[in-house]
Structure formats: C-alpha cells, structure tokens
Amino acid sequence: IIDSRTWAQFKEGHLPGSLYAPANTNFSAVAGSYVKPEDRIILLAEPAKAQELWLVLLRIGLDRCDAILNPETLAAYAAAGGKLAKTDEIDVAELNRRMDSGGVNVLDVRGADGWREGHIKNVPSIVDTRLASRLSEVPKDNPLALHCQGGGRSAYAAAFLERNGYQVANIAGGFGAWEKAGYEVVKG
C-alpha cells in the first residue's frame, strides 16, 4: 500500500504496512526506493491526484497497481472499527532524553555530504533511498529514532522500517531542530 496523503494524516492513522510517499515531487523517488517491480500495489490517493500518481508509478516500472483507494474509504474503514496504525513522532528534547537513557538507536537518513557537514555524535548514516538494500545494517535491539535535515525523508524511512518490523519514531524538525536547540553537533 502506497499512502500519498500528508505526513500529518499518515502518522495519525494508516493501514498497517503502508509506505508513506506523499503526492509531491518526491513521490517517484520514494516509491522507486521502497517498492519492487514485482510488488502488487494499492495506491491510496485523493481522486484529483490518483491518475497522475498511477502514471508516475508506470513510468518508473511499477506497473502492478491493483487498486486505487480514496482516503474517504480509509475513513469509512476506521469508522467501521478497522484497525489503523500510527507512527510515533518525537521532538529533539525527547530524543535527547531517550539517548541519555540508552533506550534508543538513532539513524541519520541524510546523505554523506549532509552527515559530514554536521551530525549527532555516534549516530550512523544510511541514506533513505538505500535503506532497502542495507536493511541488515539497521539495528533492531532498541526502538529506532530517525532523522534527516528537516523531517521529510525520515518520515518516508520510518514507514518503510515499520513495514519491516522496526519500532520507530520520526524526529520532528530533524537535524535542523537538533542543531537549533543547541545540542552537541559533530562536524566532519
């Protein structure tokens, strides 16, 4: 299931196992990074965007779209008692608290250039578009907190990792919020 609604809508309730790929310029990159050509797809999209997004999937070789669901269908499903999943999102103060207690692994999903310009001490980086091929490197021993520069790419990655059995939280505001709050930043 590829859910193209906004992050605010997705994190508050989505079909379990859904990928988050918003209906914006990142849609093709996200779908292309997390969906295999042989995967069968259900696209959750606003009616005004559904055909455009379906064509994007076709253009990138994802041609097994079995159905398109309207977000109203999701709301009706939930109203009828259907179970929706939620994705946790925390702020940088909560991240710092969890890091101090040792109960969280943190992963930076920015590229190498962003990481070299500044990163959280002892936090590894795997760029979001490479997570599928490097999944074995992502630790599962603790809950996982993800960040990018501002919170967008880490939201995509959070949904992907949840789908693969990880307990995750997206960091609201990402590394930019961490740095702005004055927490320790390592350069280089």
N, C-alpha and C. Protein backbone atom coordinates (compact mmCIF):
# COMPACT_ATOMS: atom_id res chain seq x y z
N ILE A 1 0.86 -1.18 0.00
CA ILE A 1 0.00 0.00 0.00
C ILE A 1 0.90 1.23 0.00
N ILE A 2 0.69 2.11 -0.95
CA ILE A 2 1.40 3.38 -1.00
C ILE A 2 0.40 4.45 -0.62
N ASP A 3 0.64 5.11 0.48
CA ASP A 3 -0.24 6.15 1.01
C ASP A 3 0.33 7.51 0.63
N SER A 4 -0.40 8.25 -0.17
CA SER A 4 0.10 9.54 -0.68
C SER A 4 -0.48 10.75 0.04
N ARG A 5 -1.12 10.54 1.17
CA ARG A 5 -1.66 11.66 1.95
C ARG A 5 -0.52 12.44 2.61
N THR A 6 -0.85 13.47 3.35
CA THR A 6 0.16 14.26 4.05
C THR A 6 0.74 13.47 5.22
N TRP A 7 1.91 13.90 5.69
CA TRP A 7 2.53 13.25 6.84
C TRP A 7 1.62 13.34 8.06
N ALA A 8 1.01 14.48 8.29
CA ALA A 8 0.12 14.63 9.45
C ALA A 8 -1.00 13.59 9.41
N GLN A 9 -1.57 13.35 8.24
CA GLN A 9 -2.63 12.36 8.10
C GLN A 9 -2.08 10.94 8.27
N PHE A 10 -0.97 10.67 7.63
CA PHE A 10 -0.38 9.33 7.68
C PHE A 10 -0.02 8.94 9.10
N LYS A 11 0.71 9.79 9.81
CA LYS A 11 1.21 9.40 11.13
C LYS A 11 0.07 9.16 12.13
N GLU A 12 -1.07 9.82 11.91
CA GLU A 12 -2.20 9.67 12.83
C GLU A 12 -3.06 8.44 12.54
N GLY A 13 -2.92 7.86 11.36
CA GLY A 13 -3.67 6.65 11.08
C GLY A 13 -3.54 6.20 9.64
N HIS A 14 -2.96 5.02 9.46
CA HIS A 14 -2.79 4.44 8.13
C HIS A 14 -2.98 2.93 8.21
N LEU A 15 -3.21 2.32 7.06
CA LEU A 15 -3.34 0.88 7.04
C LEU A 15 -2.00 0.25 7.42
N PRO A 16 -1.98 -0.72 8.32
CA PRO A 16 -0.72 -1.34 8.72
C PRO A 16 0.06 -1.83 7.49
N GLY A 17 1.37 -1.57 7.52
CA GLY A 17 2.24 -1.99 6.43
C GLY A 17 2.33 -1.00 5.28
N SER A 18 1.64 0.11 5.39
CA SER A 18 1.66 1.11 4.31
C SER A 18 3.00 1.82 4.23
N LEU A 19 3.35 2.19 3.01
CA LEU A 19 4.50 3.06 2.78
C LEU A 19 3.99 4.48 2.66
N TYR A 20 4.75 5.43 3.16
CA TYR A 20 4.39 6.84 3.05
C TYR A 20 5.16 7.44 1.88
N ALA A 21 4.44 7.86 0.85
CA ALA A 21 5.02 8.51 -0.32
C ALA A 21 4.08 9.64 -0.71
N PRO A 22 4.33 10.84 -0.20
CA PRO A 22 3.38 11.93 -0.42
C PRO A 22 3.27 12.33 -1.89
N ALA A 23 2.11 12.86 -2.23
CA ALA A 23 1.82 13.29 -3.60
C ALA A 23 2.52 14.61 -3.89
N ASN A 24 3.85 14.55 -3.95
CA ASN A 24 4.64 15.73 -4.27
C ASN A 24 5.80 15.30 -5.18
N THR A 25 6.77 16.16 -5.35
CA THR A 25 7.88 15.87 -6.26
C THR A 25 8.74 14.69 -5.80
N ASN A 26 8.61 14.25 -4.56
CA ASN A 26 9.39 13.11 -4.06
C ASN A 26 8.70 11.77 -4.28
N PHE A 27 7.48 11.78 -4.78
CA PHE A 27 6.70 10.55 -4.90
C PHE A 27 7.45 9.45 -5.65
N SER A 28 7.98 9.78 -6.82
CA SER A 28 8.65 8.74 -7.62
C SER A 28 9.91 8.21 -6.95
N ALA A 29 10.68 9.09 -6.30
CA ALA A 29 11.90 8.65 -5.62
C ALA A 29 11.57 7.73 -4.45
N VAL A 30 10.55 8.08 -3.69
CA VAL A 30 10.18 7.25 -2.54
C VAL A 30 9.63 5.90 -3.02
N ALA A 31 8.66 5.94 -3.92
CA ALA A 31 8.09 4.68 -4.42
C ALA A 31 9.17 3.82 -5.08
N GLY A 32 10.03 4.44 -5.88
CA GLY A 32 11.08 3.70 -6.56
C GLY A 32 12.12 3.12 -5.62
N SER A 33 12.29 3.73 -4.46
CA SER A 33 13.27 3.23 -3.49
C SER A 33 12.74 2.08 -2.64
N TYR A 34 11.44 2.06 -2.38
CA TYR A 34 10.89 1.12 -1.42
C TYR A 34 9.99 0.03 -2.00
N VAL A 35 9.61 0.16 -3.27
CA VAL A 35 8.71 -0.82 -3.89
C VAL A 35 9.47 -1.55 -4.99
N LYS A 36 9.35 -2.87 -5.00
CA LYS A 36 10.00 -3.68 -6.04
C LYS A 36 9.06 -3.81 -7.25
N PRO A 37 9.62 -3.94 -8.44
CA PRO A 37 8.77 -4.06 -9.63
C PRO A 37 7.76 -5.21 -9.56
N GLU A 38 8.10 -6.27 -8.85
CA GLU A 38 7.17 -7.40 -8.77
C GLU A 38 6.10 -7.23 -7.70
N ASP A 39 6.21 -6.21 -6.87
CA ASP A 39 5.22 -5.97 -5.82
C ASP A 39 3.87 -5.57 -6.42
N ARG A 40 2.82 -6.06 -5.81
CA ARG A 40 1.46 -5.63 -6.16
C ARG A 40 1.17 -4.40 -5.32
N ILE A 41 0.56 -3.40 -5.93
CA ILE A 41 0.40 -2.09 -5.29
C ILE A 41 -1.07 -1.74 -5.15
N ILE A 42 -1.40 -1.18 -3.99
CA ILE A 42 -2.66 -0.47 -3.78
C ILE A 42 -2.25 0.96 -3.48
N LEU A 43 -2.77 1.89 -4.23
CA LEU A 43 -2.44 3.30 -4.08
C LEU A 43 -3.57 4.00 -3.35
N LEU A 44 -3.25 4.67 -2.26
CA LEU A 44 -4.21 5.48 -1.52
C LEU A 44 -3.95 6.93 -1.91
N ALA A 45 -4.91 7.53 -2.63
CA ALA A 45 -4.68 8.87 -3.17
C ALA A 45 -5.99 9.64 -3.30
N GLU A 46 -5.87 10.95 -3.17
CA GLU A 46 -7.02 11.82 -3.43
C GLU A 46 -7.45 11.63 -4.88
N PRO A 47 -8.74 11.61 -5.16
CA PRO A 47 -9.21 11.39 -6.53
C PRO A 47 -8.57 12.33 -7.56
N ALA A 48 -8.33 13.57 -7.20
CA ALA A 48 -7.75 14.54 -8.14
C ALA A 48 -6.30 14.21 -8.50
N LYS A 49 -5.61 13.43 -7.67
CA LYS A 49 -4.20 13.09 -7.89
C LYS A 49 -3.98 11.64 -8.31
N ALA A 50 -4.98 10.81 -8.16
CA ALA A 50 -4.81 9.37 -8.33
C ALA A 50 -4.27 8.97 -9.70
N GLN A 51 -4.85 9.48 -10.77
CA GLN A 51 -4.38 9.08 -12.10
C GLN A 51 -2.96 9.56 -12.35
N GLU A 52 -2.65 10.77 -11.93
CA GLU A 52 -1.28 11.30 -12.10
C GLU A 52 -0.27 10.43 -11.37
N LEU A 53 -0.56 10.04 -10.13
CA LEU A 53 0.36 9.22 -9.36
C LEU A 53 0.48 7.82 -9.95
N TRP A 54 -0.64 7.27 -10.42
CA TRP A 54 -0.61 5.96 -11.06
C TRP A 54 0.29 6.00 -12.29
N LEU A 55 0.21 7.07 -13.07
CA LEU A 55 1.08 7.20 -14.25
C LEU A 55 2.55 7.33 -13.86
N VAL A 56 2.82 8.01 -12.76
CA VAL A 56 4.20 8.10 -12.26
C VAL A 56 4.71 6.71 -11.95
N LEU A 57 3.90 5.90 -11.28
CA LEU A 57 4.32 4.52 -10.96
C LEU A 57 4.62 3.74 -12.24
N LEU A 58 3.77 3.87 -13.23
CA LEU A 58 4.01 3.19 -14.51
C LEU A 58 5.32 3.63 -15.14
N ARG A 59 5.60 4.93 -15.11
CA ARG A 59 6.82 5.47 -15.73
C ARG A 59 8.10 4.95 -15.07
N ILE A 60 8.02 4.61 -13.79
CA ILE A 60 9.23 4.13 -13.11
C ILE A 60 9.26 2.61 -13.01
N GLY A 61 8.38 1.96 -13.77
CA GLY A 61 8.42 0.50 -13.84
C GLY A 61 7.64 -0.22 -12.77
N LEU A 62 6.79 0.48 -12.05
CA LEU A 62 5.95 -0.16 -11.04
C LEU A 62 4.55 -0.25 -11.62
N ASP A 63 4.31 -1.33 -12.37
CA ASP A 63 3.09 -1.41 -13.16
C ASP A 63 2.06 -2.42 -12.63
N ARG A 64 2.20 -2.79 -11.37
CA ARG A 64 1.27 -3.77 -10.80
C ARG A 64 0.32 -3.11 -9.81
N CYS A 65 -0.26 -1.99 -10.20
CA CYS A 65 -1.21 -1.28 -9.35
C CYS A 65 -2.58 -1.95 -9.47
N ASP A 66 -2.98 -2.66 -8.43
CA ASP A 66 -4.22 -3.41 -8.45
C ASP A 66 -5.45 -2.59 -8.11
N ALA A 67 -5.25 -1.52 -7.33
CA ALA A 67 -6.41 -0.73 -6.90
C ALA A 67 -5.96 0.66 -6.47
N ILE A 68 -6.89 1.58 -6.57
CA ILE A 68 -6.68 2.93 -6.05
C ILE A 68 -7.79 3.19 -5.05
N LEU A 69 -7.40 3.53 -3.82
CA LEU A 69 -8.36 3.82 -2.77
C LEU A 69 -8.43 5.32 -2.52
N ASN A 70 -9.61 5.79 -2.30
CA ASN A 70 -9.86 7.17 -1.92
C ASN A 70 -9.67 7.28 -0.40
N PRO A 71 -9.07 8.35 0.11
CA PRO A 71 -8.94 8.50 1.56
C PRO A 71 -10.26 8.39 2.32
N GLU A 72 -11.38 8.70 1.67
CA GLU A 72 -12.68 8.54 2.32
C GLU A 72 -12.96 7.07 2.64
N THR A 73 -12.45 6.17 1.80
CA THR A 73 -12.59 4.74 2.05
C THR A 73 -11.85 4.35 3.33
N LEU A 74 -10.67 4.94 3.53
CA LEU A 74 -9.90 4.67 4.74
C LEU A 74 -10.66 5.17 5.97
N ALA A 75 -11.25 6.35 5.87
CA ALA A 75 -12.03 6.90 6.99
C ALA A 75 -13.23 6.00 7.29
N ALA A 76 -13.90 5.50 6.26
CA ALA A 76 -15.04 4.61 6.47
C ALA A 76 -14.60 3.30 7.11
N TYR A 77 -13.45 2.78 6.69
CA TYR A 77 -12.89 1.56 7.27
C TYR A 77 -12.63 1.76 8.77
N ALA A 78 -12.02 2.89 9.11
CA ALA A 78 -11.74 3.18 10.52
C ALA A 78 -13.03 3.36 11.32
N ALA A 79 -14.00 4.04 10.73
CA ALA A 79 -15.28 4.27 11.41
C ALA A 79 -16.02 2.95 11.66
N ALA A 80 -15.79 1.96 10.81
CA ALA A 80 -16.43 0.66 10.96
C ALA A 80 -15.66 -0.26 11.92
N GLY A 81 -14.61 0.29 12.56
CA GLY A 81 -13.84 -0.49 13.52
C GLY A 81 -12.56 -1.08 12.98
N GLY A 82 -12.22 -0.76 11.74
CA GLY A 82 -10.97 -1.25 11.16
C GLY A 82 -9.77 -0.67 11.88
N LYS A 83 -8.73 -1.48 12.05
CA LYS A 83 -7.55 -1.05 12.79
C LYS A 83 -6.59 -0.26 11.89
N LEU A 84 -6.20 0.91 12.38
CA LEU A 84 -5.20 1.73 11.70
C LEU A 84 -3.95 1.79 12.56
N ALA A 85 -2.81 1.89 11.93
CA ALA A 85 -1.53 2.02 12.62
C ALA A 85 -1.19 3.51 12.74
N LYS A 86 -0.40 3.84 13.74
CA LYS A 86 0.10 5.21 13.92
C LYS A 86 1.62 5.15 13.94
N THR A 87 2.24 6.23 13.49
CA THR A 87 3.69 6.33 13.53
C THR A 87 4.07 7.38 14.56
N ASP A 88 4.94 7.01 15.46
CA ASP A 88 5.39 7.90 16.52
C ASP A 88 6.26 9.02 15.96
N GLU A 89 6.09 10.21 16.49
CA GLU A 89 6.96 11.33 16.15
C GLU A 89 7.30 12.04 17.46
N ILE A 90 8.60 12.28 17.66
CA ILE A 90 9.06 12.92 18.89
C ILE A 90 9.86 14.17 18.55
N ASP A 91 9.98 15.06 19.53
CA ASP A 91 10.80 16.25 19.31
C ASP A 91 12.24 15.98 19.76
N VAL A 92 13.11 16.94 19.53
CA VAL A 92 14.53 16.72 19.83
C VAL A 92 14.81 16.64 21.33
N ALA A 93 14.00 17.30 22.14
CA ALA A 93 14.18 17.19 23.59
C ALA A 93 13.91 15.75 24.04
N GLU A 94 12.85 15.13 23.49
CA GLU A 94 12.56 13.73 23.82
C GLU A 94 13.64 12.81 23.27
N LEU A 95 14.14 13.11 22.08
CA LEU A 95 15.25 12.32 21.54
C LEU A 95 16.44 12.38 22.47
N ASN A 96 16.81 13.55 22.92
CA ASN A 96 17.95 13.72 23.82
C ASN A 96 17.73 12.93 25.12
N ARG A 97 16.51 12.98 25.65
CA ARG A 97 16.20 12.23 26.87
C ARG A 97 16.36 10.73 26.62
N ARG A 98 15.84 10.24 25.50
CA ARG A 98 15.93 8.81 25.19
C ARG A 98 17.38 8.40 24.95
N MET A 99 18.16 9.26 24.32
CA MET A 99 19.57 8.94 24.10
C MET A 99 20.31 8.87 25.43
N ASP A 100 20.02 9.80 26.35
CA ASP A 100 20.66 9.78 27.67
C ASP A 100 20.34 8.51 28.45
N SER A 101 19.13 7.98 28.27
CA SER A 101 18.75 6.77 28.99
C SER A 101 19.26 5.50 28.31
N GLY A 102 19.76 5.63 27.07
CA GLY A 102 20.31 4.48 26.36
C GLY A 102 19.26 3.56 25.76
N GLY A 103 18.02 4.00 25.72
CA GLY A 103 16.96 3.13 25.25
C GLY A 103 16.54 3.35 23.81
N VAL A 104 17.44 3.91 22.99
CA VAL A 104 17.08 4.18 21.60
C VAL A 104 18.32 4.10 20.71
N ASN A 105 18.15 3.57 19.53
CA ASN A 105 19.16 3.69 18.49
C ASN A 105 18.73 4.82 17.59
N VAL A 106 19.67 5.61 17.12
CA VAL A 106 19.36 6.74 16.25
C VAL A 106 20.02 6.50 14.91
N LEU A 107 19.30 6.83 13.85
CA LEU A 107 19.82 6.68 12.50
C LEU A 107 19.57 7.96 11.72
N ASP A 108 20.62 8.47 11.10
CA ASP A 108 20.58 9.65 10.24
C ASP A 108 20.35 9.14 8.82
N VAL A 109 19.28 9.58 8.17
CA VAL A 109 18.99 9.08 6.83
C VAL A 109 19.32 10.11 5.73
N ARG A 110 20.17 11.08 6.08
CA ARG A 110 20.66 12.02 5.08
C ARG A 110 21.82 11.36 4.32
N GLY A 111 22.23 12.01 3.26
CA GLY A 111 23.38 11.55 2.50
C GLY A 111 24.69 11.88 3.20
N ALA A 112 25.77 11.38 2.64
CA ALA A 112 27.10 11.54 3.25
C ALA A 112 27.50 13.01 3.38
N ASP A 113 27.17 13.84 2.39
CA ASP A 113 27.55 15.26 2.47
C ASP A 113 26.89 15.95 3.66
N GLY A 114 25.59 15.73 3.84
CA GLY A 114 24.89 16.31 4.98
C GLY A 114 25.47 15.84 6.30
N TRP A 115 25.77 14.54 6.38
CA TRP A 115 26.32 13.96 7.60
C TRP A 115 27.68 14.59 7.93
N ARG A 116 28.54 14.77 6.91
CA ARG A 116 29.86 15.37 7.14
C ARG A 116 29.76 16.82 7.59
N GLU A 117 28.76 17.54 7.11
CA GLU A 117 28.58 18.94 7.50
C GLU A 117 28.20 19.09 8.96
N GLY A 118 27.65 18.05 9.54
CA GLY A 118 27.29 18.05 10.95
C GLY A 118 26.34 16.92 11.25
N HIS A 119 26.60 16.23 12.37
CA HIS A 119 25.74 15.11 12.76
C HIS A 119 25.74 14.95 14.27
N ILE A 120 24.81 14.13 14.73
CA ILE A 120 24.73 13.82 16.16
C ILE A 120 25.82 12.80 16.47
N LYS A 121 26.51 13.03 17.58
CA LYS A 121 27.62 12.16 17.98
C LYS A 121 27.20 10.70 18.04
N ASN A 122 28.04 9.84 17.46
CA ASN A 122 27.87 8.38 17.46
C ASN A 122 26.63 7.89 16.72
N VAL A 123 26.10 8.71 15.81
CA VAL A 123 24.92 8.31 15.06
C VAL A 123 25.35 7.99 13.62
N PRO A 124 25.11 6.75 13.18
CA PRO A 124 25.47 6.36 11.81
C PRO A 124 24.48 6.93 10.79
N SER A 125 24.87 6.86 9.54
CA SER A 125 24.02 7.36 8.46
C SER A 125 23.84 6.28 7.39
N ILE A 126 22.60 6.10 6.99
CA ILE A 126 22.25 5.31 5.81
C ILE A 126 21.22 6.16 5.07
N VAL A 127 21.57 6.61 3.88
CA VAL A 127 20.65 7.48 3.14
C VAL A 127 19.32 6.76 2.91
N ASP A 128 18.22 7.50 3.04
CA ASP A 128 16.89 6.91 2.99
C ASP A 128 16.63 6.07 1.74
N THR A 129 17.15 6.50 0.60
CA THR A 129 16.90 5.77 -0.65
C THR A 129 17.70 4.47 -0.74
N ARG A 130 18.58 4.20 0.22
CA ARG A 130 19.37 2.96 0.22
C ARG A 130 18.99 2.01 1.35
N LEU A 131 17.97 2.37 2.11
CA LEU A 131 17.60 1.53 3.25
C LEU A 131 17.19 0.11 2.83
N ALA A 132 16.46 -0.01 1.75
CA ALA A 132 16.00 -1.34 1.33
C ALA A 132 17.17 -2.29 1.10
N SER A 133 18.23 -1.80 0.48
CA SER A 133 19.38 -2.67 0.19
C SER A 133 20.32 -2.81 1.38
N ARG A 134 20.15 -2.00 2.41
CA ARG A 134 21.05 -2.06 3.57
C ARG A 134 20.29 -2.37 4.87
N LEU A 135 19.13 -2.96 4.74
CA LEU A 135 18.28 -3.24 5.89
C LEU A 135 18.99 -4.05 6.97
N SER A 136 19.86 -4.95 6.58
CA SER A 136 20.57 -5.79 7.55
C SER A 136 21.49 -4.97 8.46
N GLU A 137 21.82 -3.74 8.06
CA GLU A 137 22.69 -2.88 8.87
C GLU A 137 21.92 -2.06 9.91
N VAL A 138 20.62 -2.08 9.83
CA VAL A 138 19.80 -1.27 10.74
C VAL A 138 19.54 -2.07 12.01
N PRO A 139 19.99 -1.55 13.17
CA PRO A 139 19.85 -2.31 14.41
C PRO A 139 18.39 -2.45 14.85
N LYS A 140 18.09 -3.62 15.46
CA LYS A 140 16.73 -3.90 15.94
C LYS A 140 16.69 -4.10 17.46
N ASP A 141 17.82 -3.93 18.15
CA ASP A 141 17.89 -4.24 19.57
C ASP A 141 17.17 -3.23 20.46
N ASN A 142 16.90 -2.04 19.96
CA ASN A 142 16.18 -0.99 20.69
C ASN A 142 15.24 -0.30 19.71
N PRO A 143 14.27 0.45 20.23
CA PRO A 143 13.49 1.30 19.32
C PRO A 143 14.44 2.21 18.54
N LEU A 144 13.99 2.64 17.39
CA LEU A 144 14.82 3.40 16.47
C LEU A 144 14.22 4.79 16.27
N ALA A 145 15.08 5.81 16.38
CA ALA A 145 14.66 7.19 16.09
C ALA A 145 15.39 7.62 14.82
N LEU A 146 14.63 8.17 13.88
CA LEU A 146 15.18 8.53 12.57
C LEU A 146 15.15 10.03 12.37
N HIS A 147 16.19 10.54 11.73
CA HIS A 147 16.16 11.95 11.37
C HIS A 147 16.85 12.18 10.05
N CYS A 148 16.42 13.23 9.38
CA CYS A 148 17.09 13.75 8.20
C CYS A 148 17.36 15.22 8.52
N GLN A 149 17.39 16.09 7.56
CA GLN A 149 17.63 17.50 7.86
C GLN A 149 16.40 18.16 8.47
N GLY A 150 15.22 17.89 7.91
CA GLY A 150 14.02 18.59 8.37
C GLY A 150 12.86 17.72 8.78
N GLY A 151 12.91 16.42 8.54
CA GLY A 151 11.84 15.52 8.97
C GLY A 151 11.08 14.84 7.85
N GLY A 152 11.30 15.21 6.60
CA GLY A 152 10.58 14.61 5.48
C GLY A 152 11.08 13.24 5.09
N ARG A 153 12.35 13.16 4.74
CA ARG A 153 12.91 11.87 4.30
C ARG A 153 12.87 10.84 5.43
N SER A 154 13.04 11.30 6.65
CA SER A 154 12.98 10.35 7.77
C SER A 154 11.56 9.82 7.96
N ALA A 155 10.55 10.60 7.57
CA ALA A 155 9.17 10.11 7.62
C ALA A 155 8.97 8.97 6.63
N TYR A 156 9.52 9.12 5.41
CA TYR A 156 9.42 8.03 4.42
C TYR A 156 10.10 6.78 4.96
N ALA A 157 11.30 6.99 5.52
CA ALA A 157 12.09 5.87 6.04
C ALA A 157 11.39 5.21 7.23
N ALA A 158 10.74 6.01 8.07
CA ALA A 158 10.03 5.46 9.23
C ALA A 158 8.94 4.48 8.79
N ALA A 159 8.16 4.87 7.80
CA ALA A 159 7.10 3.98 7.32
C ALA A 159 7.69 2.70 6.74
N PHE A 160 8.77 2.84 5.98
CA PHE A 160 9.42 1.66 5.39
C PHE A 160 9.92 0.71 6.48
N LEU A 161 10.58 1.27 7.49
CA LEU A 161 11.13 0.42 8.56
C LEU A 161 10.02 -0.19 9.41
N GLU A 162 8.95 0.56 9.67
CA GLU A 162 7.80 -0.03 10.38
C GLU A 162 7.28 -1.25 9.62
N ARG A 163 7.16 -1.09 8.32
CA ARG A 163 6.68 -2.18 7.47
C ARG A 163 7.57 -3.42 7.60
N ASN A 164 8.83 -3.20 7.92
CA ASN A 164 9.80 -4.29 8.05
C ASN A 164 10.02 -4.70 9.51
N GLY A 165 9.10 -4.35 10.38
CA GLY A 165 9.13 -4.86 11.75
C GLY A 165 9.88 -4.03 12.78
N TYR A 166 10.31 -2.85 12.42
CA TYR A 166 11.03 -1.99 13.36
C TYR A 166 10.06 -1.13 14.16
N GLN A 167 10.42 -0.87 15.41
CA GLN A 167 9.69 0.10 16.23
C GLN A 167 10.41 1.43 16.03
N VAL A 168 9.74 2.41 15.43
CA VAL A 168 10.40 3.64 15.03
C VAL A 168 9.68 4.89 15.53
N ALA A 169 10.45 5.96 15.57
CA ALA A 169 9.90 7.31 15.80
C ALA A 169 10.60 8.24 14.83
N ASN A 170 9.84 9.11 14.22
CA ASN A 170 10.40 10.16 13.37
C ASN A 170 10.74 11.35 14.27
N ILE A 171 11.84 12.02 13.98
CA ILE A 171 12.24 13.19 14.76
C ILE A 171 11.68 14.44 14.08
N ALA A 172 10.73 15.09 14.73
CA ALA A 172 10.11 16.31 14.19
C ALA A 172 11.18 17.39 14.02
N GLY A 173 11.27 17.95 12.84
CA GLY A 173 12.24 19.01 12.58
C GLY A 173 13.63 18.52 12.26
N GLY A 174 13.89 17.23 12.44
CA GLY A 174 15.15 16.61 12.05
C GLY A 174 16.39 17.22 12.68
N PHE A 175 17.50 17.05 11.97
CA PHE A 175 18.78 17.54 12.45
C PHE A 175 18.77 19.06 12.61
N GLY A 176 18.04 19.74 11.74
CA GLY A 176 17.95 21.20 11.85
C GLY A 176 17.41 21.62 13.22
N ALA A 177 16.40 20.92 13.72
CA ALA A 177 15.85 21.23 15.04
C ALA A 177 16.84 20.88 16.14
N TRP A 178 17.57 19.77 15.98
CA TRP A 178 18.60 19.37 16.95
C TRP A 178 19.65 20.46 17.08
N GLU A 179 20.15 20.90 15.94
CA GLU A 179 21.19 21.92 15.91
C GLU A 179 20.68 23.25 16.47
N LYS A 180 19.48 23.64 16.08
CA LYS A 180 18.89 24.90 16.55
C LYS A 180 18.67 24.89 18.08
N ALA A 181 18.37 23.72 18.62
CA ALA A 181 18.15 23.60 20.07
C ALA A 181 19.46 23.66 20.86
N GLY A 182 20.60 23.61 20.17
CA GLY A 182 21.89 23.74 20.84
C GLY A 182 22.49 22.44 21.35
N TYR A 183 21.95 21.31 20.92
CA TYR A 183 22.54 20.04 21.33
C TYR A 183 23.87 19.82 20.57
N GLU A 184 24.66 18.91 21.10
CA GLU A 184 26.00 18.67 20.54
C GLU A 184 25.95 18.22 19.08
N VAL A 185 26.79 18.85 18.27
CA VAL A 185 26.92 18.54 16.86
C VAL A 185 28.39 18.25 16.57
N VAL A 186 28.62 17.16 15.83
CA VAL A 186 29.97 16.78 15.41
C VAL A 186 30.11 17.16 13.94
N LYS A 187 31.20 17.84 13.62
CA LYS A 187 31.49 18.22 12.23
C LYS A 187 32.52 17.27 11.65
N GLY A 188 32.36 16.94 10.36
CA GLY A 188 33.36 16.14 9.64
C GLY A 188 33.16 14.68 9.69
